[in-house]
Amino acid sequence: MRTSTRIAGALTGLTLALGGAVLAAPAARADIPACTRMAEMAGATDSASVAAACSRGVSGDLQNCVAGLTGAGVADGAANGACRAAAHEPR
């Protein structure tokens, strides 16, 4: 077998192995605690509404997340930031 064929085969195998590892990696978890902390610091009054709104932020529904947080007493800018935090992996 030629050296170039061996190298191509090895690179293909390596690519498939690494690609499989990426696909098998666990999905990033959202950061609901960060969202709720930010909302509470911004003046949220109803923790149940905050938790529900942050859960909507996790699924990427930022509009309803912000609406839920503003309904719970959080200012628009802070609600937007908290909902964006909900959608990101915890640090």
PDB file of N, CA and C in Angstrom:
ATOM      1  N   MET A   1       0.847  -1.163   0.000  1.00  0.00           N
ATOM      2  CA  MET A   1       0.000   0.000   0.000  1.00  0.00           C
ATOM      3  C   MET A   1       0.900   1.235   0.000  1.00  0.00           C
ATOM      4  N   ARG A   2       0.506   2.218  -0.745  1.00  0.00           N
ATOM      5  CA  ARG A   2       1.298   3.442  -0.832  1.00  0.00           C
ATOM      6  C   ARG A   2       1.221   4.252   0.461  1.00  0.00           C
ATOM      7  N   THR A   3       2.247   5.009   0.684  1.00  0.00           N
ATOM      8  CA  THR A   3       2.310   5.856   1.881  1.00  0.00           C
ATOM      9  C   THR A   3       1.208   6.912   1.856  1.00  0.00           C
ATOM     10  N   SER A   4       0.954   7.488   0.691  1.00  0.00           N
ATOM     11  CA  SER A   4      -0.083   8.519   0.602  1.00  0.00           C
ATOM     12  C   SER A   4      -1.463   7.941   0.907  1.00  0.00           C
ATOM     13  N   THR A   5      -1.712   6.714   0.533  1.00  0.00           N
ATOM     14  CA  THR A   5      -2.990   6.067   0.825  1.00  0.00           C
ATOM     15  C   THR A   5      -3.108   5.799   2.319  1.00  0.00           C
ATOM     16  N   ARG A   6      -2.020   5.384   2.947  1.00  0.00           N
ATOM     17  CA  ARG A   6      -2.028   5.145   4.387  1.00  0.00           C
ATOM     18  C   ARG A   6      -2.291   6.434   5.165  1.00  0.00           C
ATOM     19  N   ILE A   7      -1.628   7.498   4.735  1.00  0.00           N
ATOM     20  CA  ILE A   7      -1.804   8.786   5.413  1.00  0.00           C
ATOM     21  C   ILE A   7      -3.252   9.260   5.264  1.00  0.00           C
ATOM     22  N   ALA A   8      -3.806   9.121   4.058  1.00  0.00           N
ATOM     23  CA  ALA A   8      -5.190   9.536   3.829  1.00  0.00           C
ATOM     24  C   ALA A   8      -6.144   8.713   4.682  1.00  0.00           C
ATOM     25  N   GLY A   9      -5.892   7.425   4.779  1.00  0.00           N
ATOM     26  CA  GLY A   9      -6.738   6.561   5.607  1.00  0.00           C
ATOM     27  C   GLY A   9      -6.645   6.913   7.080  1.00  0.00           C
ATOM     28  N   ALA A  10      -5.434   7.193   7.538  1.00  0.00           N
ATOM     29  CA  ALA A  10      -5.241   7.555   8.940  1.00  0.00           C
ATOM     30  C   ALA A  10      -5.925   8.883   9.256  1.00  0.00           C
ATOM     31  N   LEU A  11      -5.814   9.848   8.368  1.00  0.00           N
ATOM     32  CA  LEU A  11      -6.457  11.142   8.586  1.00  0.00           C
ATOM     33  C   LEU A  11      -7.972  11.013   8.573  1.00  0.00           C
ATOM     34  N   THR A  12      -8.482  10.167   7.694  1.00  0.00           N
ATOM     35  CA  THR A  12      -9.929   9.946   7.641  1.00  0.00           C
ATOM     36  C   THR A  12     -10.410   9.311   8.943  1.00  0.00           C
ATOM     37  N   GLY A  13      -9.685   8.312   9.413  1.00  0.00           N
ATOM     38  CA  GLY A  13     -10.052   7.662  10.667  1.00  0.00           C
ATOM     39  C   GLY A  13     -10.000   8.621  11.843  1.00  0.00           C
ATOM     40  N   LEU A  14      -8.966   9.449  11.869  1.00  0.00           N
ATOM     41  CA  LEU A  14      -8.836  10.429  12.941  1.00  0.00           C
ATOM     42  C   LEU A  14      -9.984  11.434  12.899  1.00  0.00           C
ATOM     43  N   THR A  15     -10.332  11.874  11.710  1.00  0.00           N
ATOM     44  CA  THR A  15     -11.434  12.825  11.563  1.00  0.00           C
ATOM     45  C   THR A  15     -12.746  12.220  12.039  1.00  0.00           C
ATOM     46  N   LEU A  16     -13.001  10.994  11.667  1.00  0.00           N
ATOM     47  CA  LEU A  16     -14.229  10.333  12.103  1.00  0.00           C
ATOM     48  C   LEU A  16     -14.250  10.119  13.613  1.00  0.00           C
ATOM     49  N   ALA A  17     -13.126   9.766  14.185  1.00  0.00           N
ATOM     50  CA  ALA A  17     -13.059   9.548  15.633  1.00  0.00           C
ATOM     51  C   ALA A  17     -13.302  10.847  16.396  1.00  0.00           C
ATOM     52  N   LEU A  18     -12.673  11.921  15.952  1.00  0.00           N
ATOM     53  CA  LEU A  18     -12.860  13.205  16.634  1.00  0.00           C
ATOM     54  C   LEU A  18     -14.264  13.749  16.423  1.00  0.00           C
ATOM     55  N   GLY A  19     -14.801  13.564  15.234  1.00  0.00           N
ATOM     56  CA  GLY A  19     -16.168  14.004  14.965  1.00  0.00           C
ATOM     57  C   GLY A  19     -17.164  13.270  15.835  1.00  0.00           C
ATOM     58  N   GLY A  20     -16.950  11.983  16.042  1.00  0.00           N
ATOM     59  CA  GLY A  20     -17.829  11.211  16.909  1.00  0.00           C
ATOM     60  C   GLY A  20     -17.747  11.672  18.347  1.00  0.00           C
ATOM     61  N   ALA A  21     -16.563  12.068  18.785  1.00  0.00           N
ATOM     62  CA  ALA A  21     -16.407  12.559  20.159  1.00  0.00           C
ATOM     63  C   ALA A  21     -17.160  13.870  20.344  1.00  0.00           C
ATOM     64  N   VAL A  22     -17.145  14.706  19.336  1.00  0.00           N
ATOM     65  CA  VAL A  22     -17.872  15.975  19.422  1.00  0.00           C
ATOM     66  C   VAL A  22     -19.369  15.714  19.461  1.00  0.00           C
ATOM     67  N   LEU A  23     -19.842  14.787  18.652  1.00  0.00           N
ATOM     68  CA  LEU A  23     -21.271  14.491  18.630  1.00  0.00           C
ATOM     69  C   LEU A  23     -21.731  13.821  19.918  1.00  0.00           C
ATOM     70  N   ALA A  24     -20.858  13.075  20.550  1.00  0.00           N
ATOM     71  CA  ALA A  24     -21.220  12.374  21.776  1.00  0.00           C
ATOM     72  C   ALA A  24     -21.093  13.250  23.018  1.00  0.00           C
ATOM     73  N   ALA A  25     -20.509  14.429  22.888  1.00  0.00           N
ATOM     74  CA  ALA A  25     -20.339  15.317  24.035  1.00  0.00           C
ATOM     75  C   ALA A  25     -21.701  15.768  24.548  1.00  0.00           C
ATOM     76  N   PRO A  26     -21.845  15.931  25.843  1.00  0.00           N
ATOM     77  CA  PRO A  26     -23.141  16.357  26.393  1.00  0.00           C
ATOM     78  C   PRO A  26     -23.477  17.776  25.964  1.00  0.00           C
ATOM     79  N   ALA A  27     -24.744  18.034  25.830  1.00  0.00           N
ATOM     80  CA  ALA A  27     -25.198  19.369  25.452  1.00  0.00           C
ATOM     81  C   ALA A  27     -24.937  20.336  26.604  1.00  0.00           C
ATOM     82  N   ALA A  28     -24.692  21.584  26.252  1.00  0.00           N
ATOM     83  CA  ALA A  28     -24.452  22.598  27.273  1.00  0.00           C
ATOM     84  C   ALA A  28     -25.730  22.846  28.065  1.00  0.00           C
ATOM     85  N   ARG A  29     -25.587  22.929  29.364  1.00  0.00           N
ATOM     86  CA  ARG A  29     -26.736  23.222  30.213  1.00  0.00           C
ATOM     87  C   ARG A  29     -26.919  24.730  30.284  1.00  0.00           C
ATOM     88  N   ALA A  30     -28.136  25.140  30.421  1.00  0.00           N
ATOM     89  CA  ALA A  30     -28.403  26.563  30.548  1.00  0.00           C
ATOM     90  C   ALA A  30     -28.178  26.993  31.997  1.00  0.00           C
ATOM     91  N   ASP A  31     -28.134  28.276  32.196  1.00  0.00           N
ATOM     92  CA  ASP A  31     -27.801  28.799  33.513  1.00  0.00           C
ATOM     93  C   ASP A  31     -28.997  29.518  34.143  1.00  0.00           C
ATOM     94  N   ILE A  32     -29.960  28.746  34.628  1.00  0.00           N
ATOM     95  CA  ILE A  32     -31.134  29.323  35.280  1.00  0.00           C
ATOM     96  C   ILE A  32     -30.753  30.040  36.576  1.00  0.00           C
ATOM     97  N   PRO A  33     -29.847  29.484  37.409  1.00  0.00           N
ATOM     98  CA  PRO A  33     -29.493  30.218  38.636  1.00  0.00           C
ATOM     99  C   PRO A  33     -28.933  31.618  38.370  1.00  0.00           C
ATOM    100  N   ALA A  34     -28.152  31.777  37.325  1.00  0.00           N
ATOM    101  CA  ALA A  34     -27.621  33.116  37.008  1.00  0.00           C
ATOM    102  C   ALA A  34     -28.753  34.054  36.628  1.00  0.00           C
ATOM    103  N   CYS A  35     -29.701  33.544  35.866  1.00  0.00           N
ATOM    104  CA  CYS A  35     -30.852  34.351  35.454  1.00  0.00           C
ATOM    105  C   CYS A  35     -31.656  34.792  36.677  1.00  0.00           C
ATOM    106  N   THR A  36     -31.938  33.858  37.566  1.00  0.00           N
ATOM    107  CA  THR A  36     -32.745  34.211  38.741  1.00  0.00           C
ATOM    108  C   THR A  36     -31.993  35.168  39.666  1.00  0.00           C
ATOM    109  N   ARG A  37     -30.680  34.982  39.813  1.00  0.00           N
ATOM    110  CA  ARG A  37     -29.894  35.912  40.650  1.00  0.00           C
ATOM    111  C   ARG A  37     -29.935  37.319  40.076  1.00  0.00           C
ATOM    112  N   MET A  38     -29.747  37.413  38.757  1.00  0.00           N
ATOM    113  CA  MET A  38     -29.763  38.735  38.126  1.00  0.00           C
ATOM    114  C   MET A  38     -31.125  39.395  38.296  1.00  0.00           C
ATOM    115  N   ALA A  39     -32.189  38.605  38.136  1.00  0.00           N
ATOM    116  CA  ALA A  39     -33.539  39.146  38.266  1.00  0.00           C
ATOM    117  C   ALA A  39     -33.806  39.607  39.699  1.00  0.00           C
ATOM    118  N   GLU A  40     -33.374  38.823  40.667  1.00  0.00           N
ATOM    119  CA  GLU A  40     -33.576  39.204  42.067  1.00  0.00           C
ATOM    120  C   GLU A  40     -32.787  40.458  42.425  1.00  0.00           C
ATOM    121  N   MET A  41     -31.577  40.559  41.901  1.00  0.00           N
ATOM    122  CA  MET A  41     -30.763  41.755  42.159  1.00  0.00           C
ATOM    123  C   MET A  41     -31.386  42.990  41.517  1.00  0.00           C
ATOM    124  N   ALA A  42     -32.151  42.783  40.448  1.00  0.00           N
ATOM    125  CA  ALA A  42     -32.771  43.907  39.745  1.00  0.00           C
ATOM    126  C   ALA A  42     -34.147  44.252  40.298  1.00  0.00           C
ATOM    127  N   GLY A  43     -34.574  43.550  41.350  1.00  0.00           N
ATOM    128  CA  GLY A  43     -35.817  43.928  42.008  1.00  0.00           C
ATOM    129  C   GLY A  43     -37.006  43.030  41.751  1.00  0.00           C
ATOM    130  N   ALA A  44     -36.791  41.811  41.317  1.00  0.00           N
ATOM    131  CA  ALA A  44     -37.911  40.891  41.085  1.00  0.00           C
ATOM    132  C   ALA A  44     -38.639  40.638  42.389  1.00  0.00           C
ATOM    133  N   THR A  45     -39.963  40.535  42.313  1.00  0.00           N
ATOM    134  CA  THR A  45     -40.771  40.371  43.510  1.00  0.00           C
ATOM    135  C   THR A  45     -41.401  38.989  43.639  1.00  0.00           C
ATOM    136  N   ASP A  46     -41.523  38.240  42.559  1.00  0.00           N
ATOM    137  CA  ASP A  46     -42.202  36.940  42.586  1.00  0.00           C
ATOM    138  C   ASP A  46     -41.249  35.861  42.083  1.00  0.00           C
ATOM    139  N   SER A  47     -40.709  35.063  42.992  1.00  0.00           N
ATOM    140  CA  SER A  47     -39.698  34.076  42.609  1.00  0.00           C
ATOM    141  C   SER A  47     -40.259  32.987  41.692  1.00  0.00           C
ATOM    142  N   ALA A  48     -41.524  32.630  41.839  1.00  0.00           N
ATOM    143  CA  ALA A  48     -42.120  31.611  40.959  1.00  0.00           C
ATOM    144  C   ALA A  48     -42.200  32.134  39.519  1.00  0.00           C
ATOM    145  N   SER A  49     -42.569  33.393  39.355  1.00  0.00           N
ATOM    146  CA  SER A  49     -42.633  33.990  38.013  1.00  0.00           C
ATOM    147  C   SER A  49     -41.245  34.112  37.412  1.00  0.00           C
ATOM    148  N   VAL A  50     -40.275  34.433  38.250  1.00  0.00           N
ATOM    149  CA  VAL A  50     -38.891  34.555  37.775  1.00  0.00           C
ATOM    150  C   VAL A  50     -38.383  33.205  37.282  1.00  0.00           C
ATOM    151  N   ALA A  51     -38.629  32.149  38.041  1.00  0.00           N
ATOM    152  CA  ALA A  51     -38.185  30.813  37.641  1.00  0.00           C
ATOM    153  C   ALA A  51     -38.845  30.388  36.332  1.00  0.00           C
ATOM    154  N   ALA A  52     -40.137  30.675  36.192  1.00  0.00           N
ATOM    155  CA  ALA A  52     -40.846  30.319  34.963  1.00  0.00           C
ATOM    156  C   ALA A  52     -40.289  31.100  33.773  1.00  0.00           C
ATOM    157  N   ALA A  53     -40.043  32.393  33.979  1.00  0.00           N
ATOM    158  CA  ALA A  53     -39.517  33.217  32.889  1.00  0.00           C
ATOM    159  C   ALA A  53     -38.119  32.782  32.493  1.00  0.00           C
ATOM    160  N   CYS A  54     -37.276  32.487  33.476  1.00  0.00           N
ATOM    161  CA  CYS A  54     -35.909  32.043  33.179  1.00  0.00           C
ATOM    162  C   CYS A  54     -35.919  30.699  32.451  1.00  0.00           C
ATOM    163  N   SER A  55     -36.888  29.856  32.761  1.00  0.00           N
ATOM    164  CA  SER A  55     -37.014  28.584  32.047  1.00  0.00           C
ATOM    165  C   SER A  55     -37.340  28.811  30.578  1.00  0.00           C
ATOM    166  N   ARG A  56     -38.128  29.840  30.286  1.00  0.00           N
ATOM    167  CA  ARG A  56     -38.407  30.175  28.879  1.00  0.00           C
ATOM    168  C   ARG A  56     -37.140  30.687  28.199  1.00  0.00           C
ATOM    169  N   GLY A  57     -36.311  31.393  28.947  1.00  0.00           N
ATOM    170  CA  GLY A  57     -35.047  31.876  28.387  1.00  0.00           C
ATOM    171  C   GLY A  57     -34.115  30.737  28.025  1.00  0.00           C
ATOM    172  N   VAL A  58     -34.177  29.658  28.784  1.00  0.00           N
ATOM    173  CA  VAL A  58     -33.344  28.486  28.518  1.00  0.00           C
ATOM    174  C   VAL A  58     -33.646  27.916  27.137  1.00  0.00           C
ATOM    175  N   SER A  59     -34.916  27.896  26.784  1.00  0.00           N
ATOM    176  CA  SER A  59     -35.310  27.318  25.499  1.00  0.00           C
ATOM    177  C   SER A  59     -35.111  28.290  24.335  1.00  0.00           C
ATOM    178  N   GLY A  60     -34.609  29.488  24.624  1.00  0.00           N
ATOM    179  CA  GLY A  60     -34.332  30.455  23.569  1.00  0.00           C
ATOM    180  C   GLY A  60     -35.490  31.409  23.305  1.00  0.00           C
ATOM    181  N   ASP A  61     -36.531  31.333  24.103  1.00  0.00           N
ATOM    182  CA  ASP A  61     -37.692  32.209  23.946  1.00  0.00           C
ATOM    183  C   ASP A  61     -37.444  33.501  24.723  1.00  0.00           C
ATOM    184  N   LEU A  62     -36.532  34.328  24.200  1.00  0.00           N
ATOM    185  CA  LEU A  62     -36.116  35.533  24.923  1.00  0.00           C
ATOM    186  C   LEU A  62     -37.244  36.535  25.082  1.00  0.00           C
ATOM    187  N   GLN A  63     -38.112  36.630  24.087  1.00  0.00           N
ATOM    188  CA  GLN A  63     -39.193  37.611  24.160  1.00  0.00           C
ATOM    189  C   GLN A  63     -40.132  37.315  25.336  1.00  0.00           C
ATOM    190  N   ASN A  64     -40.557  36.082  25.483  1.00  0.00           N
ATOM    191  CA  ASN A  64     -41.447  35.736  26.590  1.00  0.00           C
ATOM    192  C   ASN A  64     -40.714  35.695  27.923  1.00  0.00           C
ATOM    193  N   CYS A  65     -39.436  35.403  27.889  1.00  0.00           N
ATOM    194  CA  CYS A  65     -38.634  35.460  29.114  1.00  0.00           C
ATOM    195  C   CYS A  65     -38.587  36.889  29.637  1.00  0.00           C
ATOM    196  N   VAL A  66     -38.278  37.828  28.758  1.00  0.00           N
ATOM    197  CA  VAL A  66     -38.211  39.239  29.147  1.00  0.00           C
ATOM    198  C   VAL A  66     -39.583  39.720  29.614  1.00  0.00           C
ATOM    199  N   ALA A  67     -40.634  39.323  28.911  1.00  0.00           N
ATOM    200  CA  ALA A  67     -41.986  39.732  29.309  1.00  0.00           C
ATOM    201  C   ALA A  67     -42.318  39.200  30.703  1.00  0.00           C
ATOM    202  N   GLY A  68     -41.940  37.950  30.974  1.00  0.00           N
ATOM    203  CA  GLY A  68     -42.199  37.372  32.289  1.00  0.00           C
ATOM    204  C   GLY A  68     -41.429  38.074  33.394  1.00  0.00           C
ATOM    205  N   LEU A  69     -40.170  38.408  33.112  1.00  0.00           N
ATOM    206  CA  LEU A  69     -39.368  39.088  34.134  1.00  0.00           C
ATOM    207  C   LEU A  69     -39.841  40.514  34.370  1.00  0.00           C
ATOM    208  N   THR A  70     -40.216  41.220  33.314  1.00  0.00           N
ATOM    209  CA  THR A  70     -40.721  42.579  33.516  1.00  0.00           C
ATOM    210  C   THR A  70     -42.046  42.540  34.277  1.00  0.00           C
ATOM    211  N   GLY A  71     -42.839  41.502  34.041  1.00  0.00           N
ATOM    212  CA  GLY A  71     -44.080  41.332  34.806  1.00  0.00           C
ATOM    213  C   GLY A  71     -43.808  41.058  36.278  1.00  0.00           C
ATOM    214  N   ALA A  72     -42.626  40.514  36.569  1.00  0.00           N
ATOM    215  CA  ALA A  72     -42.244  40.232  37.960  1.00  0.00           C
ATOM    216  C   ALA A  72     -41.514  41.404  38.604  1.00  0.00           C
ATOM    217  N   GLY A  73     -41.441  42.544  37.907  1.00  0.00           N
ATOM    218  CA  GLY A  73     -40.858  43.741  38.498  1.00  0.00           C
ATOM    219  C   GLY A  73     -39.427  44.044  38.108  1.00  0.00           C
ATOM    220  N   VAL A  74     -38.899  43.366  37.091  1.00  0.00           N
ATOM    221  CA  VAL A  74     -37.520  43.599  36.644  1.00  0.00           C
ATOM    222  C   VAL A  74     -37.534  44.607  35.500  1.00  0.00           C
ATOM    223  N   ALA A  75     -36.612  45.565  35.523  1.00  0.00           N
ATOM    224  CA  ALA A  75     -36.506  46.551  34.453  1.00  0.00           C
ATOM    225  C   ALA A  75     -36.139  45.868  33.133  1.00  0.00           C
ATOM    226  N   ASP A  76     -36.528  46.486  32.014  1.00  0.00           N
ATOM    227  CA  ASP A  76     -36.326  45.880  30.685  1.00  0.00           C
ATOM    228  C   ASP A  76     -34.881  45.476  30.414  1.00  0.00           C
ATOM    229  N   GLY A  77     -33.945  46.372  30.659  1.00  0.00           N
ATOM    230  CA  GLY A  77     -32.537  46.073  30.368  1.00  0.00           C
ATOM    231  C   GLY A  77     -32.010  44.926  31.208  1.00  0.00           C
ATOM    232  N   ALA A  78     -32.361  44.923  32.487  1.00  0.00           N
ATOM    233  CA  ALA A  78     -31.918  43.842  33.374  1.00  0.00           C
ATOM    234  C   ALA A  78     -32.584  42.523  32.998  1.00  0.00           C
ATOM    235  N   ALA A  79     -33.850  42.580  32.592  1.00  0.00           N
ATOM    236  CA  ALA A  79     -34.563  41.371  32.179  1.00  0.00           C
ATOM    237  C   ALA A  79     -33.922  40.782  30.935  1.00  0.00           C
ATOM    238  N   ASN A  80     -33.553  41.629  30.005  1.00  0.00           N
ATOM    239  CA  ASN A  80     -32.892  41.165  28.779  1.00  0.00           C
ATOM    240  C   ASN A  80     -31.569  40.482  29.108  1.00  0.00           C
ATOM    241  N   GLY A  81     -30.788  41.072  29.980  1.00  0.00           N
ATOM    242  CA  GLY A  81     -29.508  40.481  30.375  1.00  0.00           C
ATOM    243  C   GLY A  81     -29.685  39.159  31.108  1.00  0.00           C
ATOM    244  N   ALA A  82     -30.680  39.088  31.978  1.00  0.00           N
ATOM    245  CA  ALA A  82     -30.932  37.854  32.725  1.00  0.00           C
ATOM    246  C   ALA A  82     -31.373  36.736  31.790  1.00  0.00           C
ATOM    247  N   CYS A  83     -32.222  37.066  30.828  1.00  0.00           N
ATOM    248  CA  CYS A  83     -32.693  36.046  29.875  1.00  0.00           C
ATOM    249  C   CYS A  83     -31.552  35.556  28.990  1.00  0.00           C
ATOM    250  N   ARG A  84     -30.674  36.445  28.619  1.00  0.00           N
ATOM    251  CA  ARG A  84     -29.506  36.017  27.830  1.00  0.00           C
ATOM    252  C   ARG A  84     -28.586  35.137  28.670  1.00  0.00           C
ATOM    253  N   ALA A  85     -28.484  35.424  29.960  1.00  0.00           N
ATOM    254  CA  ALA A  85     -27.667  34.588  30.846  1.00  0.00           C
ATOM    255  C   ALA A  85     -28.278  33.201  30.972  1.00  0.00           C
ATOM    256  N   ALA A  86     -29.594  33.119  30.953  1.00  0.00           N
ATOM    257  CA  ALA A  86     -30.275  31.828  31.070  1.00  0.00           C
ATOM    258  C   ALA A  86     -29.933  30.908  29.899  1.00  0.00           C
ATOM    259  N   ALA A  87     -29.699  31.482  28.748  1.00  0.00           N
ATOM    260  CA  ALA A  87     -29.458  30.693  27.553  1.00  0.00           C
ATOM    261  C   ALA A  87     -28.007  30.208  27.431  1.00  0.00           C
ATOM    262  N   HIS A  88     -27.130  30.644  28.321  1.00  0.00           N
ATOM    263  CA  HIS A  88     -25.723  30.281  28.230  1.00  0.00           C
ATOM    264  C   HIS A  88     -25.346  29.229  29.258  1.00  0.00           C
ATOM    265  N   GLU A  89     -24.271  28.513  28.955  1.00  0.00           N
ATOM    266  CA  GLU A  89     -23.758  27.489  29.851  1.00  0.00           C
ATOM    267  C   GLU A  89     -23.246  28.132  31.135  1.00  0.00           C
ATOM    268  N   PRO A  90     -23.490  27.493  32.284  1.00  0.00           N
ATOM    269  CA  PRO A  90     -22.986  28.045  33.543  1.00  0.00           C
ATOM    270  C   PRO A  90     -21.467  28.109  33.564  1.00  0.00           C
ATOM    271  N   ARG A  91     -20.933  29.045  34.280  1.00  0.00           N
ATOM    272  CA  ARG A  91     -19.477  29.189  34.390  1.00  0.00           C
ATOM    273  C   ARG A  91     -19.014  28.709  35.724  1.00  0.00           C
TER     274      ARG A  91
END
